[in-house]
């Protein structure tokens, strides 16, 4: 039951959205490190980077697991003689 809820939640999160936010947060960290007065931006960007990194990994794992399960359940056609 809990696994179904997790799968439903992960299906709502798209991998591309995670990657876009991941890249933007990395840009925020790089920009904030060049400008020392933007400490708050650096902190927020680092938090976003860690959270989106975990999200990308979880989503990638879920998609891979779903793909492998789908591939394993696919029936092969009978060999013709």
N, C-alpha and C. Protein backbone atom coordinates (compact mmCIF):
# COMPACT_ATOMS: atom_id res chain seq x y z
N UNK A 1 0.83 -1.20 0.00
CA UNK A 1 0.00 0.00 0.00
C UNK A 1 0.87 1.25 0.00
N UNK A 2 1.86 1.29 0.88
CA UNK A 2 2.74 2.45 0.94
C UNK A 2 3.57 2.55 -0.33
N UNK A 3 3.93 1.40 -0.90
CA UNK A 3 4.71 1.41 -2.13
C UNK A 3 3.89 1.98 -3.29
N UNK A 4 2.59 1.68 -3.32
CA UNK A 4 1.72 2.23 -4.36
C UNK A 4 1.63 3.74 -4.25
N UNK A 5 1.53 4.25 -3.03
CA UNK A 5 1.47 5.70 -2.83
C UNK A 5 2.76 6.36 -3.27
N UNK A 6 3.90 5.72 -2.98
CA UNK A 6 5.18 6.25 -3.39
C UNK A 6 5.29 6.25 -4.91
N UNK A 7 4.84 5.19 -5.55
CA UNK A 7 4.88 5.10 -7.01
C UNK A 7 3.98 6.16 -7.63
N UNK A 8 2.80 6.38 -7.07
CA UNK A 8 1.91 7.42 -7.58
C UNK A 8 2.53 8.80 -7.44
N UNK A 9 3.19 9.04 -6.31
CA UNK A 9 3.85 10.33 -6.10
C UNK A 9 4.98 10.53 -7.09
N UNK A 10 5.77 9.50 -7.32
CA UNK A 10 6.89 9.62 -8.23
C UNK A 10 6.44 9.76 -9.68
N UNK A 11 5.28 9.22 -10.01
CA UNK A 11 4.77 9.39 -11.36
C UNK A 11 4.35 10.83 -11.63
N UNK A 12 4.03 11.57 -10.58
CA UNK A 12 3.62 12.96 -10.75
C UNK A 12 4.82 13.89 -10.90
N UNK A 13 5.98 13.45 -10.45
CA UNK A 13 7.18 14.26 -10.54
C UNK A 13 7.91 13.85 -11.82
N UNK A 14 8.17 14.80 -12.66
CA UNK A 14 8.82 14.51 -13.92
C UNK A 14 10.32 14.72 -13.81
N UNK A 15 11.06 13.84 -14.45
CA UNK A 15 12.52 13.85 -14.37
C UNK A 15 13.08 15.16 -14.93
N UNK A 16 12.55 15.65 -16.02
CA UNK A 16 13.07 16.87 -16.63
C UNK A 16 12.92 18.07 -15.72
N UNK A 17 11.83 18.17 -14.99
CA UNK A 17 11.64 19.27 -14.05
C UNK A 17 12.70 19.22 -12.96
N UNK A 18 13.01 18.03 -12.49
CA UNK A 18 14.04 17.88 -11.47
C UNK A 18 15.39 18.33 -11.99
N UNK A 19 15.72 17.95 -13.20
CA UNK A 19 17.02 18.30 -13.76
C UNK A 19 17.12 19.81 -13.97
N UNK A 20 16.06 20.45 -14.43
CA UNK A 20 16.07 21.90 -14.64
C UNK A 20 16.29 22.63 -13.32
N UNK A 21 15.59 22.24 -12.29
CA UNK A 21 15.77 22.87 -10.97
C UNK A 21 17.17 22.58 -10.43
N UNK A 22 17.66 21.39 -10.69
CA UNK A 22 18.99 21.00 -10.25
C UNK A 22 20.05 21.90 -10.87
N UNK A 23 19.94 22.13 -12.18
CA UNK A 23 20.90 23.00 -12.88
C UNK A 23 20.77 24.44 -12.39
N UNK A 24 19.55 24.93 -12.22
CA UNK A 24 19.35 26.31 -11.75
C UNK A 24 19.91 26.50 -10.35
N UNK A 25 19.75 25.53 -9.49
CA UNK A 25 20.30 25.67 -8.14
C UNK A 25 21.82 25.63 -8.16
N UNK A 26 22.40 24.85 -9.06
CA UNK A 26 23.86 24.84 -9.19
C UNK A 26 24.36 26.19 -9.70
N UNK A 27 23.65 26.77 -10.64
CA UNK A 27 24.01 28.11 -11.13
C UNK A 27 23.92 29.12 -9.99
N UNK A 28 22.90 29.00 -9.16
CA UNK A 28 22.76 29.88 -8.00
C UNK A 28 23.92 29.76 -7.04
N UNK A 29 24.39 28.55 -6.80
CA UNK A 29 25.55 28.34 -5.92
C UNK A 29 26.79 28.97 -6.55
N UNK A 30 27.00 28.77 -7.83
CA UNK A 30 28.17 29.33 -8.51
C UNK A 30 28.13 30.85 -8.50
N UNK A 31 26.97 31.43 -8.77
CA UNK A 31 26.83 32.89 -8.79
C UNK A 31 27.06 33.48 -7.40
N UNK A 32 26.49 32.83 -6.40
CA UNK A 32 26.62 33.33 -5.03
C UNK A 32 28.06 33.21 -4.53
N UNK A 33 28.79 32.21 -5.00
CA UNK A 33 30.18 32.07 -4.56
C UNK A 33 31.07 33.15 -5.17
N UNK A 34 30.67 33.71 -6.31
CA UNK A 34 31.44 34.80 -6.92
C UNK A 34 31.16 36.14 -6.27
N UNK A 35 30.00 36.28 -5.62
CA UNK A 35 29.62 37.53 -4.98
C UNK A 35 29.42 37.27 -3.48
N UNK A 36 30.39 37.66 -2.66
CA UNK A 36 30.34 37.32 -1.23
C UNK A 36 29.16 37.94 -0.47
N UNK A 37 28.54 38.98 -0.99
CA UNK A 37 27.42 39.60 -0.30
C UNK A 37 26.12 38.82 -0.39
N UNK A 38 26.11 37.78 -1.18
CA UNK A 38 24.88 37.00 -1.40
C UNK A 38 24.91 35.68 -0.63
N UNK A 39 25.18 35.76 0.64
CA UNK A 39 25.27 34.56 1.48
C UNK A 39 23.93 33.82 1.52
N UNK A 40 22.83 34.56 1.59
CA UNK A 40 21.51 33.93 1.65
C UNK A 40 21.23 33.13 0.38
N UNK A 41 21.67 33.67 -0.78
CA UNK A 41 21.45 32.95 -2.04
C UNK A 41 22.26 31.66 -2.07
N UNK A 42 23.46 31.73 -1.55
CA UNK A 42 24.31 30.55 -1.49
C UNK A 42 23.68 29.47 -0.61
N UNK A 43 23.17 29.85 0.54
CA UNK A 43 22.55 28.88 1.45
C UNK A 43 21.30 28.25 0.84
N UNK A 44 20.45 29.07 0.28
CA UNK A 44 19.22 28.56 -0.34
C UNK A 44 19.54 27.67 -1.53
N UNK A 45 20.50 28.09 -2.34
CA UNK A 45 20.86 27.30 -3.53
C UNK A 45 21.47 25.97 -3.14
N UNK A 46 22.29 25.96 -2.10
CA UNK A 46 22.87 24.68 -1.67
C UNK A 46 21.81 23.74 -1.14
N UNK A 47 20.86 24.25 -0.40
CA UNK A 47 19.77 23.41 0.10
C UNK A 47 18.96 22.86 -1.07
N UNK A 48 18.64 23.73 -2.03
CA UNK A 48 17.90 23.29 -3.21
C UNK A 48 18.70 22.25 -3.99
N UNK A 49 20.01 22.44 -4.10
CA UNK A 49 20.85 21.51 -4.84
C UNK A 49 20.84 20.13 -4.20
N UNK A 50 20.95 20.07 -2.89
CA UNK A 50 20.94 18.78 -2.19
C UNK A 50 19.57 18.10 -2.34
N UNK A 51 18.50 18.86 -2.14
CA UNK A 51 17.16 18.29 -2.24
C UNK A 51 16.87 17.80 -3.65
N UNK A 52 17.22 18.60 -4.65
CA UNK A 52 16.95 18.17 -6.03
C UNK A 52 17.87 17.04 -6.45
N UNK A 53 19.08 16.97 -5.90
CA UNK A 53 19.96 15.83 -6.21
C UNK A 53 19.32 14.54 -5.71
N UNK A 54 18.80 14.57 -4.50
CA UNK A 54 18.10 13.40 -3.97
C UNK A 54 16.87 13.07 -4.79
N UNK A 55 16.15 14.09 -5.20
CA UNK A 55 14.94 13.89 -6.00
C UNK A 55 15.28 13.27 -7.36
N UNK A 56 16.36 13.74 -7.98
CA UNK A 56 16.78 13.18 -9.26
C UNK A 56 17.15 11.71 -9.09
N UNK A 57 17.88 11.39 -8.04
CA UNK A 57 18.28 10.00 -7.81
C UNK A 57 17.08 9.09 -7.55
N UNK A 58 16.15 9.55 -6.73
CA UNK A 58 14.96 8.74 -6.43
C UNK A 58 14.11 8.56 -7.68
N UNK A 59 13.92 9.62 -8.45
CA UNK A 59 13.11 9.53 -9.66
C UNK A 59 13.78 8.63 -10.69
N UNK A 60 15.09 8.76 -10.84
CA UNK A 60 15.82 7.92 -11.78
C UNK A 60 15.74 6.45 -11.37
N UNK A 61 15.85 6.18 -10.07
CA UNK A 61 15.71 4.82 -9.56
C UNK A 61 14.32 4.26 -9.84
N UNK A 62 13.30 5.08 -9.61
CA UNK A 62 11.92 4.62 -9.83
C UNK A 62 11.66 4.35 -11.31
N UNK A 63 12.14 5.22 -12.19
CA UNK A 63 11.96 5.00 -13.63
C UNK A 63 12.70 3.74 -14.08
N UNK A 64 13.91 3.54 -13.57
CA UNK A 64 14.68 2.35 -13.95
C UNK A 64 13.99 1.09 -13.46
N UNK A 65 13.51 1.12 -12.24
CA UNK A 65 12.81 -0.04 -11.67
C UNK A 65 11.54 -0.35 -12.48
N UNK A 66 10.80 0.69 -12.83
CA UNK A 66 9.57 0.51 -13.62
C UNK A 66 9.92 -0.04 -15.00
N UNK A 67 10.98 0.48 -15.63
CA UNK A 67 11.38 0.02 -16.95
C UNK A 67 11.79 -1.46 -16.92
N UNK A 68 12.58 -1.83 -15.91
CA UNK A 68 13.03 -3.22 -15.81
C UNK A 68 11.86 -4.16 -15.54
N UNK A 69 10.92 -3.74 -14.69
CA UNK A 69 9.75 -4.58 -14.41
C UNK A 69 8.90 -4.74 -15.65
N UNK A 70 8.74 -3.67 -16.41
CA UNK A 70 7.95 -3.72 -17.64
C UNK A 70 8.64 -4.60 -18.68
N UNK A 71 9.95 -4.49 -18.77
CA UNK A 71 10.71 -5.29 -19.74
C UNK A 71 10.68 -6.77 -19.38
N UNK A 72 10.73 -7.09 -18.08
CA UNK A 72 10.72 -8.49 -17.66
C UNK A 72 9.35 -9.13 -17.83
N UNK A 73 8.29 -8.35 -17.78
CA UNK A 73 6.95 -8.94 -17.92
C UNK A 73 6.51 -9.00 -19.38
N UNK A 74 7.28 -8.40 -20.25
CA UNK A 74 6.92 -8.45 -21.68
C UNK A 74 7.04 -9.88 -22.17
N UNK A 75 6.01 -10.34 -22.85
CA UNK A 75 6.00 -11.72 -23.33
C UNK A 75 6.75 -11.79 -24.67
N UNK A 76 7.54 -12.81 -24.81
CA UNK A 76 8.26 -13.01 -26.06
C UNK A 76 7.39 -13.87 -26.97
N UNK A 77 7.41 -13.56 -28.26
CA UNK A 77 6.61 -14.36 -29.20
C UNK A 77 7.20 -15.77 -29.35
N UNK A 78 6.35 -16.76 -29.58
CA UNK A 78 6.86 -18.12 -29.74
C UNK A 78 7.73 -18.23 -31.00
N UNK A 79 8.75 -19.04 -30.89
CA UNK A 79 9.65 -19.22 -32.03
C UNK A 79 8.96 -20.05 -33.10
N UNK A 80 9.08 -19.61 -34.33
CA UNK A 80 8.46 -20.35 -35.44
C UNK A 80 9.44 -21.41 -35.91
N UNK A 81 8.87 -22.53 -36.36
CA UNK A 81 9.70 -23.66 -36.82
C UNK A 81 9.93 -23.62 -38.29
